[in-house]
Structure formats: C-alpha cells, structure tokens
C-alpha atoms as a PDB file:
ATOM      1  CA  MET A   1     -29.849  -6.351  24.603  1.00  0.00           C
ATOM      2  CA  ASN A   2     -26.848  -7.239  22.434  1.00  0.00           C
ATOM      3  CA  VAL A   3     -27.738  -8.377  18.944  1.00  0.00           C
ATOM      4  CA  SER A   4     -25.142 -10.392  17.039  1.00  0.00           C
ATOM      5  CA  ARG A   5     -25.076 -10.244  13.242  1.00  0.00           C
ATOM      6  CA  THR A   6     -23.652 -12.602  10.687  1.00  0.00           C
ATOM      7  CA  GLY A   7     -20.814 -11.407   8.458  1.00  0.00           C
ATOM      8  CA  THR A   8     -23.246 -11.152   5.515  1.00  0.00           C
ATOM      9  CA  GLU A   9     -25.701  -9.040   7.526  1.00  0.00           C
ATOM     10  CA  ALA A  10     -22.894  -6.756   8.698  1.00  0.00           C
ATOM     11  CA  GLN A  11     -21.699  -6.303   5.115  1.00  0.00           C
ATOM     12  CA  GLU A  12     -25.243  -5.483   3.947  1.00  0.00           C
ATOM     13  CA  ILE A  13     -25.476  -2.808   6.630  1.00  0.00           C
ATOM     14  CA  SER A  14     -22.056  -1.433   5.619  1.00  0.00           C
ATOM     15  CA  GLN A  15     -23.117  -1.394   1.955  1.00  0.00           C
ATOM     16  CA  SER A  16     -26.259   0.605   2.695  1.00  0.00           C
ATOM     17  CA  ALA A  17     -24.275   3.112   4.785  1.00  0.00           C
ATOM     18  CA  TRP A  18     -21.536   3.562   2.176  1.00  0.00           C
ATOM     19  CA  SER A  19     -21.025   6.937   0.475  1.00  0.00           C
ATOM     20  CA  GLU A  20     -18.750   7.832  -2.420  1.00  0.00           C
ATOM     21  CA  PRO A  21     -15.336   9.161  -1.394  1.00  0.00           C
ATOM     22  CA  GLY A  22     -14.978  12.917  -1.533  1.00  0.00           C
ATOM     23  CA  GLY A  23     -12.129  15.383  -1.739  1.00  0.00           C
ATOM     24  CA  THR A  24      -8.831  14.402  -3.288  1.00  0.00           C
ATOM     25  CA  LEU A  25      -9.497  10.664  -3.021  1.00  0.00           C
ATOM     26  CA  GLY A  26     -12.792  11.015  -4.858  1.00  0.00           C
ATOM     27  CA  GLU A  27     -11.120  13.011  -7.627  1.00  0.00           C
ATOM     28  CA  LEU A  28      -8.391  10.390  -8.054  1.00  0.00           C
ATOM     29  CA  VAL A  29     -10.850   7.477  -8.110  1.00  0.00           C
ATOM     30  CA  ARG A  30     -12.964   9.208 -10.774  1.00  0.00           C
ATOM     31  CA  ALA A  31      -9.856  10.086 -12.772  1.00  0.00           C
ATOM     32  CA  MET A  32      -8.729   6.465 -12.812  1.00  0.00           C
ATOM     33  CA  ALA A  33     -12.170   5.312 -13.943  1.00  0.00           C
ATOM     34  CA  GLY A  34     -11.873   7.609 -16.963  1.00  0.00           C
ATOM     35  CA  ARG A  35      -8.198   6.967 -17.660  1.00  0.00           C
ATOM     36  CA  SER A  36      -7.164   5.336 -20.912  1.00  0.00           C
ATOM     37  CA  GLU A  37      -3.609   4.044 -21.132  1.00  0.00           C
ATOM     38  CA  GLU A  38      -1.814   1.847 -23.585  1.00  0.00           C
ATOM     39  CA  MET A  39      -0.976  -1.441 -21.889  1.00  0.00           C
ATOM     40  CA  PRO A  40       2.619  -2.592 -22.204  1.00  0.00           C
ATOM     41  CA  LYS A  41       3.233  -6.149 -23.338  1.00  0.00           C
ATOM     42  CA  PRO A  42       2.076  -8.591 -20.615  1.00  0.00           C
ATOM     43  CA  PHE A  43       4.825  -9.874 -18.346  1.00  0.00           C
ATOM     44  CA  SER A  44       5.298 -13.648 -18.401  1.00  0.00           C
ATOM     45  CA  GLY A  45       8.208 -14.048 -15.983  1.00  0.00           C
ATOM     46  CA  LEU A  46       8.308 -14.934 -12.311  1.00  0.00           C
ATOM     47  CA  ARG A  47       6.898 -12.476  -9.781  1.00  0.00           C
ATOM     48  CA  PRO A  48       8.454 -12.775  -6.301  1.00  0.00           C
ATOM     49  CA  SER A  49       6.046 -12.916  -3.371  1.00  0.00           C
ATOM     50  CA  PHE A  50       5.195  -9.524  -1.888  1.00  0.00           C
ATOM     51  CA  ALA A  51       3.777 -11.008   1.317  1.00  0.00           C
ATOM     52  CA  GLY A  52       6.737 -13.346   1.666  1.00  0.00           C
ATOM     53  CA  ALA A  53       9.177 -10.440   1.479  1.00  0.00           C
ATOM     54  CA  LEU A  54       7.561  -8.393   4.237  1.00  0.00           C
ATOM     55  CA  ARG A  55       7.783 -10.536   7.349  1.00  0.00           C
ATOM     56  CA  ARG A  56      11.297 -10.909   8.725  1.00  0.00           C
ATOM     57  CA  ASP A  57      12.955 -10.652  12.152  1.00  0.00           C
ATOM     58  CA  PHE A  58      13.364  -6.932  11.453  1.00  0.00           C
ATOM     59  CA  VAL A  59      10.910  -4.295  10.249  1.00  0.00           C
ATOM     60  CA  THR A  60      10.969  -4.430   6.467  1.00  0.00           C
ATOM     61  CA  VAL A  61      10.832  -1.387   4.204  1.00  0.00           C
ATOM     62  CA  ILE A  62       8.745  -0.892   1.086  1.00  0.00           C
ATOM     63  CA  GLY A  63      10.539   1.858  -0.824  1.00  0.00           C
ATOM     64  CA  GLU A  64       8.286   4.014  -2.967  1.00  0.00           C
ATOM     65  CA  ILE A  65       8.934   5.519  -6.394  1.00  0.00           C
ATOM     66  CA  LYS A  66       7.320   8.947  -5.959  1.00  0.00           C
ATOM     67  CA  ARG A  67       7.786  12.051  -8.109  1.00  0.00           C
ATOM     68  CA  ALA A  68       4.951  14.146  -6.713  1.00  0.00           C
ATOM     69  CA  SER A  69       1.933  13.977  -4.424  1.00  0.00           C
ATOM     70  CA  PRO A  70      -1.292  15.949  -3.833  1.00  0.00           C
ATOM     71  CA  SER A  71      -0.046  17.072  -0.410  1.00  0.00           C
ATOM     72  CA  LYS A  72       3.474  18.145  -1.458  1.00  0.00           C
ATOM     73  CA  GLY A  73       3.157  18.893  -5.154  1.00  0.00           C
ATOM     74  CA  SER A  74       6.304  18.224  -7.165  1.00  0.00           C
ATOM     75  CA  ILE A  75       9.011  16.358  -5.257  1.00  0.00           C
ATOM     76  CA  ARG A  76      11.417  15.112  -7.914  1.00  0.00           C
ATOM     77  CA  MET A  77       9.829  15.032 -11.342  1.00  0.00           C
ATOM     78  CA  ASP A  78      12.999  13.845 -13.087  1.00  0.00           C
ATOM     79  CA  LEU A  79      13.264  10.734 -10.898  1.00  0.00           C
ATOM     80  CA  ASP A  80      14.496   7.716 -12.881  1.00  0.00           C
ATOM     81  CA  SER A  81      12.365   4.838 -11.603  1.00  0.00           C
ATOM     82  CA  GLY A  82      14.787   2.123 -12.699  1.00  0.00           C
ATOM     83  CA  ALA A  83      17.818   3.790 -11.138  1.00  0.00           C
ATOM     84  CA  GLN A  84      15.906   4.452  -7.912  1.00  0.00           C
ATOM     85  CA  ALA A  85      14.782   0.816  -7.773  1.00  0.00           C
ATOM     86  CA  ALA A  86      18.373  -0.394  -8.051  1.00  0.00           C
ATOM     87  CA  VAL A  87      19.376   1.860  -5.149  1.00  0.00           C
ATOM     88  CA  PHE A  88      16.423   0.608  -3.096  1.00  0.00           C
ATOM     89  CA  GLU A  89      17.587  -2.973  -3.552  1.00  0.00           C
ATOM     90  CA  LYS A  90      21.170  -2.034  -2.667  1.00  0.00           C
ATOM     91  CA  GLY A  91      19.964  -0.294   0.496  1.00  0.00           C
ATOM     92  CA  GLY A  92      18.031  -3.306   1.740  1.00  0.00           C
ATOM     93  CA  ALA A  93      14.418  -2.551   0.801  1.00  0.00           C
ATOM     94  CA  ALA A  94      12.174  -5.629   0.848  1.00  0.00           C
ATOM     95  CA  ALA A  95       9.821  -4.456  -1.903  1.00  0.00           C
ATOM     96  CA  ILE A  96       9.168  -1.492  -4.174  1.00  0.00           C
ATOM     97  CA  SER A  97       5.964   0.541  -4.411  1.00  0.00           C
ATOM     98  CA  VAL A  98       5.417   2.059  -7.845  1.00  0.00           C
ATOM     99  CA  LEU A  99       2.921   4.913  -8.103  1.00  0.00           C
ATOM    100  CA  THR A 100       1.359   4.659 -11.562  1.00  0.00           C
ATOM    101  CA  GLU A 101      -1.104   7.568 -11.189  1.00  0.00           C
ATOM    102  CA  PRO A 102      -0.022  10.246 -13.730  1.00  0.00           C
ATOM    103  CA  SER A 103      -1.794  13.515 -12.930  1.00  0.00           C
ATOM    104  CA  ARG A 104      -1.009  14.046  -9.234  1.00  0.00           C
ATOM    105  CA  PHE A 105       1.864  11.609  -8.634  1.00  0.00           C
ATOM    106  CA  GLY A 106       3.769  11.768 -11.926  1.00  0.00           C
ATOM    107  CA  GLY A 107       3.705   8.008 -12.438  1.00  0.00           C
ATOM    108  CA  SER A 108       3.002   5.731 -15.388  1.00  0.00           C
ATOM    109  CA  LEU A 109       2.507   2.071 -16.217  1.00  0.00           C
ATOM    110  CA  ALA A 110       5.921   2.137 -17.887  1.00  0.00           C
ATOM    111  CA  ASP A 111       7.513   2.668 -14.469  1.00  0.00           C
ATOM    112  CA  ILE A 112       6.617  -0.891 -13.509  1.00  0.00           C
ATOM    113  CA  GLY A 113       8.584  -2.248 -16.452  1.00  0.00           C
ATOM    114  CA  ASN A 114      11.505   0.060 -15.663  1.00  0.00           C
ATOM    115  CA  VAL A 115      11.596  -1.092 -12.045  1.00  0.00           C
ATOM    116  CA  ARG A 116      11.190  -4.730 -13.001  1.00  0.00           C
ATOM    117  CA  GLY A 117      14.158  -4.437 -15.348  1.00  0.00           C
ATOM    118  CA  ALA A 118      16.389  -2.916 -12.668  1.00  0.00           C
ATOM    119  CA  SER A 119      15.512  -4.949  -9.570  1.00  0.00           C
ATOM    120  CA  LEU A 120      14.463  -8.433  -8.508  1.00  0.00           C
ATOM    121  CA  LEU A 121      12.366  -7.133  -5.598  1.00  0.00           C
ATOM    122  CA  PRO A 122       8.577  -7.648  -5.582  1.00  0.00           C
ATOM    123  CA  ILE A 123       6.586  -4.712  -6.924  1.00  0.00           C
ATOM    124  CA  LEU A 124       3.457  -3.121  -5.453  1.00  0.00           C
ATOM    125  CA  LYS A 125       1.364  -1.321  -8.084  1.00  0.00           C
ATOM    126  CA  LYS A 126       0.042   1.682  -6.209  1.00  0.00           C
ATOM    127  CA  ASP A 127      -2.955   3.363  -7.799  1.00  0.00           C
ATOM    128  CA  PHE A 128      -6.621   4.018  -7.098  1.00  0.00           C
ATOM    129  CA  HIS A 129      -7.976   0.605  -8.059  1.00  0.00           C
ATOM    130  CA  THR A 130     -11.672  -0.152  -7.626  1.00  0.00           C
ATOM    131  CA  LYS A 131     -12.308  -3.094  -9.981  1.00  0.00           C
ATOM    132  CA  PRO A 132     -11.120  -6.708 -10.187  1.00  0.00           C
ATOM    133  CA  GLU A 133      -9.910  -6.190 -13.756  1.00  0.00           C
ATOM    134  CA  GLN A 134      -7.545  -3.464 -12.514  1.00  0.00           C
ATOM    135  CA  ILE A 135      -6.081  -5.930 -10.023  1.00  0.00           C
ATOM    136  CA  LEU A 136      -5.553  -8.438 -12.838  1.00  0.00           C
ATOM    137  CA  GLN A 137      -3.915  -5.711 -14.942  1.00  0.00           C
ATOM    138  CA  ALA A 138      -1.379  -5.174 -12.155  1.00  0.00           C
ATOM    139  CA  LYS A 139      -0.455  -8.848 -12.346  1.00  0.00           C
ATOM    140  CA  GLU A 140      -0.155  -8.706 -16.147  1.00  0.00           C
ATOM    141  CA  LEU A 141       2.280  -5.816 -15.793  1.00  0.00           C
ATOM    142  CA  GLY A 142       4.502  -7.898 -13.533  1.00  0.00           C
ATOM    143  CA  ALA A 143       3.480  -6.522 -10.143  1.00  0.00           C
ATOM    144  CA  SER A 144       3.374  -8.930  -7.217  1.00  0.00           C
ATOM    145  CA  ALA A 145       0.755  -6.857  -5.396  1.00  0.00           C
ATOM    146  CA  ALA A 146      -1.752  -4.049  -5.900  1.00  0.00           C
ATOM    147  CA  LEU A 147      -3.111  -1.356  -3.598  1.00  0.00           C
ATOM    148  CA  LEU A 148      -6.778  -1.399  -2.603  1.00  0.00           C
ATOM    149  CA  ILE A 149      -8.015   1.525  -0.496  1.00  0.00           C
ATOM    150  CA  VAL A 150     -11.053   0.546   1.567  1.00  0.00           C
ATOM    151  CA  ARG A 151     -12.535   4.075   1.480  1.00  0.00           C
ATOM    152  CA  ALA A 152     -12.355   4.084  -2.332  1.00  0.00           C
ATOM    153  CA  VAL A 153     -14.586   1.042  -2.859  1.00  0.00           C
ATOM    154  CA  THR A 154     -17.968  -0.266  -1.786  1.00  0.00           C
ATOM    155  CA  PRO A 155     -17.996  -3.243   0.585  1.00  0.00           C
ATOM    156  CA  ALA A 156     -19.091  -5.402  -2.364  1.00  0.00           C
ATOM    157  CA  GLN A 157     -16.183  -4.164  -4.489  1.00  0.00           C
ATOM    158  CA  LEU A 158     -13.787  -4.771  -1.599  1.00  0.00           C
ATOM    159  CA  ARG A 159     -14.960  -8.358  -1.276  1.00  0.00           C
ATOM    160  CA  GLU A 160     -14.850  -8.955  -5.041  1.00  0.00           C
ATOM    161  CA  CYS A 161     -11.324  -7.558  -5.405  1.00  0.00           C
ATOM    162  CA  ILE A 162     -10.001  -9.644  -2.505  1.00  0.00           C
ATOM    163  CA  VAL A 163     -11.566 -12.815  -3.933  1.00  0.00           C
ATOM    164  CA  THR A 164     -10.146 -12.031  -7.387  1.00  0.00           C
ATOM    165  CA  ALA A 165      -6.675 -11.456  -5.960  1.00  0.00           C
ATOM    166  CA  ASN A 166      -6.775 -14.700  -3.982  1.00  0.00           C
ATOM    167  CA  GLU A 167      -7.919 -16.689  -7.009  1.00  0.00           C
ATOM    168  CA  ASN A 168      -5.243 -15.202  -9.264  1.00  0.00           C
ATOM    169  CA  ALA A 169      -2.192 -15.342  -6.984  1.00  0.00           C
ATOM    170  CA  ILE A 170      -1.609 -11.623  -6.559  1.00  0.00           C
ATOM    171  CA  ASP A 171      -1.313  -9.976  -3.148  1.00  0.00           C
ATOM    172  CA  LEU A 172      -3.355  -6.952  -2.082  1.00  0.00           C
ATOM    173  CA  LEU A 173      -2.215  -4.217   0.261  1.00  0.00           C
ATOM    174  CA  VAL A 174      -5.589  -3.263   1.733  1.00  0.00           C
ATOM    175  CA  GLU A 175      -5.313   0.281   3.069  1.00  0.00           C
ATOM    176  CA  VAL A 176      -7.317   1.700   5.977  1.00  0.00           C
ATOM    177  CA  HIS A 177      -7.453   4.967   7.904  1.00  0.00           C
ATOM    178  CA  ARG A 178     -10.306   4.392  10.375  1.00  0.00           C
ATOM    179  CA  GLU A 179     -11.520   1.650  12.721  1.00  0.00           C
ATOM    180  CA  SER A 180     -14.591   0.957  10.571  1.00  0.00           C
ATOM    181  CA  GLU A 181     -12.381   0.444   7.518  1.00  0.00           C
ATOM    182  CA  LEU A 182     -10.128  -1.933   9.436  1.00  0.00           C
ATOM    183  CA  ASP A 183     -13.174  -3.941  10.508  1.00  0.00           C
ATOM    184  CA  LEU A 184     -14.301  -4.231   6.873  1.00  0.00           C
ATOM    185  CA  ALA A 185     -10.849  -5.296   5.732  1.00  0.00           C
ATOM    186  CA  LEU A 186     -10.688  -8.025   8.376  1.00  0.00           C
ATOM    187  CA  GLU A 187     -14.256  -9.217   7.748  1.00  0.00           C
ATOM    188  CA  ASN A 188     -13.370  -9.715   4.096  1.00  0.00           C
ATOM    189  CA  GLY A 189     -10.192 -11.668   4.733  1.00  0.00           C
ATOM    190  CA  ALA A 190      -7.464  -9.127   3.970  1.00  0.00           C
ATOM    191  CA  SER A 191      -4.071 -10.725   4.641  1.00  0.00           C
ATOM    192  CA  ILE A 192      -1.947  -7.553   4.300  1.00  0.00           C
ATOM    193  CA  ILE A 193      -3.311  -4.351   5.842  1.00  0.00           C
ATOM    194  CA  GLY A 194      -1.736  -0.928   5.536  1.00  0.00           C
ATOM    195  CA  VAL A 195      -2.614   1.791   8.030  1.00  0.00           C
ATOM    196  CA  ASN A 196      -2.318   5.236   6.470  1.00  0.00           C
ATOM    197  CA  THR A 197      -2.017   8.189   8.836  1.00  0.00           C
ATOM    198  CA  ARG A 198      -3.164  10.500   6.036  1.00  0.00           C
ATOM    199  CA  ASN A 199      -6.861  11.019   5.322  1.00  0.00           C
ATOM    200  CA  LEU A 200      -6.834  10.876   1.528  1.00  0.00           C
ATOM    201  CA  GLU A 201     -10.066  12.842   1.241  1.00  0.00           C
ATOM    202  CA  THR A 202      -8.852  15.888   3.184  1.00  0.00           C
ATOM    203  CA  LEU A 203      -5.071  15.189   3.033  1.00  0.00           C
ATOM    204  CA  GLU A 204      -4.915  15.859   6.777  1.00  0.00           C
ATOM    205  CA  MET A 205      -2.645  13.713   8.945  1.00  0.00           C
ATOM    206  CA  ASN A 206      -3.809  11.760  11.979  1.00  0.00           C
ATOM    207  CA  PRO A 207      -0.574  10.868  13.785  1.00  0.00           C
ATOM    208  CA  THR A 208      -2.343   8.501  16.199  1.00  0.00           C
ATOM    209  CA  ALA A 209      -3.686   6.185  13.484  1.00  0.00           C
ATOM    210  CA  HIS A 210      -0.774   3.744  13.714  1.00  0.00           C
ATOM    211  CA  GLU A 211      -0.938   3.381  17.487  1.00  0.00           C
ATOM    212  CA  ARG A 212      -4.739   3.022  17.452  1.00  0.00           C
ATOM    213  CA  LEU A 213      -5.166   0.593  14.571  1.00  0.00           C
ATOM    214  CA  ILE A 214      -2.034  -1.523  14.139  1.00  0.00           C
ATOM    215  CA  PRO A 215      -2.347  -3.249  17.558  1.00  0.00           C
ATOM    216  CA  ARG A 216      -5.857  -4.350  16.511  1.00  0.00           C
ATOM    217  CA  ILE A 217      -4.574  -6.227  13.459  1.00  0.00           C
ATOM    218  CA  PRO A 218      -4.358  -9.985  14.160  1.00  0.00           C
ATOM    219  CA  ALA A 219      -0.862 -11.422  14.359  1.00  0.00           C
ATOM    220  CA  ASN A 220      -1.451 -13.644  11.320  1.00  0.00           C
ATOM    221  CA  VAL A 221      -2.132 -10.568   9.142  1.00  0.00           C
ATOM    222  CA  ILE A 222       0.811  -8.509   7.879  1.00  0.00           C
ATOM    223  CA  ALA A 223       0.623  -4.933   9.207  1.00  0.00           C
ATOM    224  CA  VAL A 224       2.171  -2.096   7.202  1.00  0.00           C
ATOM    225  CA  ALA A 225       2.591   1.435   8.572  1.00  0.00           C
ATOM    226  CA  GLU A 226       2.158   4.123   5.906  1.00  0.00           C
ATOM    227  CA  SER A 227       2.711   7.877   5.542  1.00  0.00           C
ATOM    228  CA  GLY A 228       4.556  10.544   7.460  1.00  0.00           C
ATOM    229  CA  MET A 229       7.711   8.584   8.289  1.00  0.00           C
ATOM    230  CA  SER A 230      11.079  10.092   7.467  1.00  0.00           C
ATOM    231  CA  THR A 231      13.404   9.215  10.368  1.00  0.00           C
ATOM    232  CA  ARG A 232      14.641   6.136  12.196  1.00  0.00           C
ATOM    233  CA  LEU A 233      12.633   7.279  15.230  1.00  0.00           C
ATOM    234  CA  ASP A 234       9.443   7.218  13.133  1.00  0.00           C
ATOM    235  CA  VAL A 235      10.133   3.615  12.127  1.00  0.00           C
ATOM    236  CA  LEU A 236      10.928   2.686  15.738  1.00  0.00           C
ATOM    237  CA  ARG A 237       7.536   4.072  16.783  1.00  0.00           C
ATOM    238  CA  ALA A 238       5.825   1.991  14.106  1.00  0.00           C
ATOM    239  CA  ALA A 239       7.711  -1.089  15.302  1.00  0.00           C
ATOM    240  CA  ASP A 240       6.678  -0.422  18.900  1.00  0.00           C
ATOM    241  CA  VAL A 241       2.972  -0.681  17.999  1.00  0.00           C
ATOM    242  CA  GLY A 242       3.482  -3.912  16.046  1.00  0.00           C
ATOM    243  CA  ALA A 243       4.179  -2.962  12.427  1.00  0.00           C
ATOM    244  CA  ASP A 244       5.769  -5.721  10.357  1.00  0.00           C
ATOM    245  CA  ALA A 245       6.726  -3.300   7.587  1.00  0.00           C
ATOM    246  CA  VAL A 246       6.765   0.393   6.751  1.00  0.00           C
ATOM    247  CA  LEU A 247       6.108   2.104   3.439  1.00  0.00           C
ATOM    248  CA  ILE A 248       8.485   5.028   2.946  1.00  0.00           C
ATOM    249  CA  GLY A 249       7.905   7.487   0.121  1.00  0.00           C
ATOM    250  CA  SER A 250       8.710  11.184  -0.064  1.00  0.00           C
ATOM    251  CA  ILE A 251      11.919  11.221   1.979  1.00  0.00           C
ATOM    252  CA  LEU A 252      13.501   8.642  -0.357  1.00  0.00           C
ATOM    253  CA  SER A 253      12.854  10.954  -3.311  1.00  0.00           C
ATOM    254  CA  GLU A 254      14.200  13.972  -1.441  1.00  0.00           C
ATOM    255  CA  THR A 255      17.374  12.586   0.121  1.00  0.00           C
ATOM    256  CA  GLY A 256      20.747  12.493  -1.582  1.00  0.00           C
ATOM    257  CA  ASP A 257      21.872   9.222   0.026  1.00  0.00           C
ATOM    258  CA  VAL A 258      18.996   6.788  -0.330  1.00  0.00           C
ATOM    259  CA  ALA A 259      20.921   3.591   0.444  1.00  0.00           C
ATOM    260  CA  THR A 260      22.315   4.900   3.742  1.00  0.00           C
ATOM    261  CA  LEU A 261      18.887   6.097   4.868  1.00  0.00           C
ATOM    262  CA  LEU A 262      17.327   2.744   4.010  1.00  0.00           C
ATOM    263  CA  ARG A 263      19.965   0.872   5.987  1.00  0.00           C
ATOM    264  CA  ALA A 264      19.094   2.974   9.041  1.00  0.00           C
ATOM    265  CA  PHE A 265      15.475   1.847   8.687  1.00  0.00           C
ATOM    266  CA  THR A 266      16.150  -1.854   8.088  1.00  0.00           C
ATOM    267  CA  THR A 267      18.049  -2.583  11.304  1.00  0.00           C
ATOM    268  CA  ILE A 268      15.052  -2.256  13.622  1.00  0.00           C
ATOM    269  CA  THR A 269      13.837  -5.429  15.316  1.00  0.00           C
ATOM    270  CA  ARG A 270      10.240  -6.440  14.617  1.00  0.00           C
ATOM    271  CA  ARG A 271       8.126  -6.708  17.774  1.00  0.00           C
ATOM    272  CA  THR A 272       6.262 -10.003  18.066  1.00  0.00           C
ATOM    273  CA  ASP A 273       4.823  -9.347  21.520  1.00  0.00           C
ATOM    274  CA  VAL A 274       2.413  -6.526  20.614  1.00  0.00           C
ATOM    275  CA  ARG A 275      -0.182  -8.112  18.314  1.00  0.00           C
ATOM    276  CA  THR A 276      -0.971 -11.439  19.951  1.00  0.00           C
ATOM    277  CA  ASN A 277      -4.665 -11.677  19.056  1.00  0.00           C
END
C-alpha cells in the first residue's frame, strides 16, 4: 500500500535521518562556525539581481574567484580579485562567485568589496553557510546571493535559511549532489538550485550528476551546473540536460586568456525543451 505524507511529515522524517557532514565538508563547516572575522563596513548601494542575471536565451556563466581548493591545492594564490572581476565582466560573465573561505580556498570577506568596486555584476558569496545570520551578512557585504549546501545543514536549517533569504531580498544558490538533497531543496521552495558533480565530503567526482539531477529540476527553478567544467564541450553537455547557467572556477584562474575562454562559453543556446515539468 502506498502511503502519502505531508511536506511537514516528510521533513520530520528527513530531520530524524540527518547526520552531520563528514570529510572535507564537515571540516569546512566546523571551521566556519569557529571563524572570527572583522566585518567590513556594511554596503548600502544597489545589489543587482543574481536570479535575474542567470536566465537568458543562452547558457549564462558564473565566473568564480578561486585561488585554491581542497581538491587541487594552490591554483593562483596571487590572484587579484578586483582585476579578475573586471575581466569576467569584459568576457561576458553574468555573475561572479566569490569564495570567502580563507584556509582551503584562499578567500576573504575583503574580496567581495574588491569585486564590487571593479564590476557591476551580481555577486554570489560562496562559503559554508549554515545559519540565517550568515545569509544576512552576505547581503550586508553587498552580495546579491549566498551559497547554501544542502548536505551542510539540517532540514530545519535549510528551511530557515530559505525563509530568511526570501524575507530579506537575497537570493540563495541551493547546492545539491544527490537525489535526496534535490528533493529537500524543492520541498523547501529553493528557486535556484546548483548541481555539484563533486562530493564535498570525499572530494570524488560523479560525472553523471548533471544528467541525472538537472532534468528533474522544474522549469520554473533556475538550474546551475557546477564543478568539473573547463571546455566548451563541457558547457554544451550541461546545456543539453537543461542547465540555465554554469559555474566555472579553476580553469578561469589557470588560463592566460580569461575573456576569450568566457566568450566561448557564453555563445551556447539554452535548451528550453528539456525541463518541461
């Protein structure tokens, strides 16, 4: 016999089954909880819409400011975030992801101000957020959006952060890696969902994650493909399974001609016939 459950009942079951993240993700979540940083002066200017920038007739690109990562180690530690942001805008990026995690990614809160001063593009604050107040901090810094990784938070925290973001006019990129995480994101009303091919606990890649999960995202939700993309063919594959946008990181820090590479990515037509649900 099939037994249907209300959304609340399903969330209660998910809450009871939840376990703390392990591996690298667990370390980064705990590190952020214990991190103490001096907050720059709150930003009072206009913040362009992150969601509004992502859906166009072509696949849009979120260019990432990345100096290092747990999987690669140092990539380009002397990267000037402001200068890179200006090149991203010149190359046709729709938005800029700023990694603010210091110990494994080489980022800082100051990078948001540097990027904001060099570009008019919307900013995604990418860090290991777990609390509503961290989402509000991203807005105070001038970010248009913040990252929220489903595996990093309890179902209750996920719901609370999404409600806080909606009430305070800041977008959330809600990141998933598995079907169960996608279900939770959708149940809680996520309007922008990123599918990461990398398991952040083990750092292993699952190259089929995009093709399995992105087609399941409703057409009224923005779908972002994340991780492991470095060529035009990679972006074409993401487009073919219904991605509205791609987040490109390491290759933009490694290449010598960022603007040309970005232009190759931003001329790919967005498919509107894949995700019709």
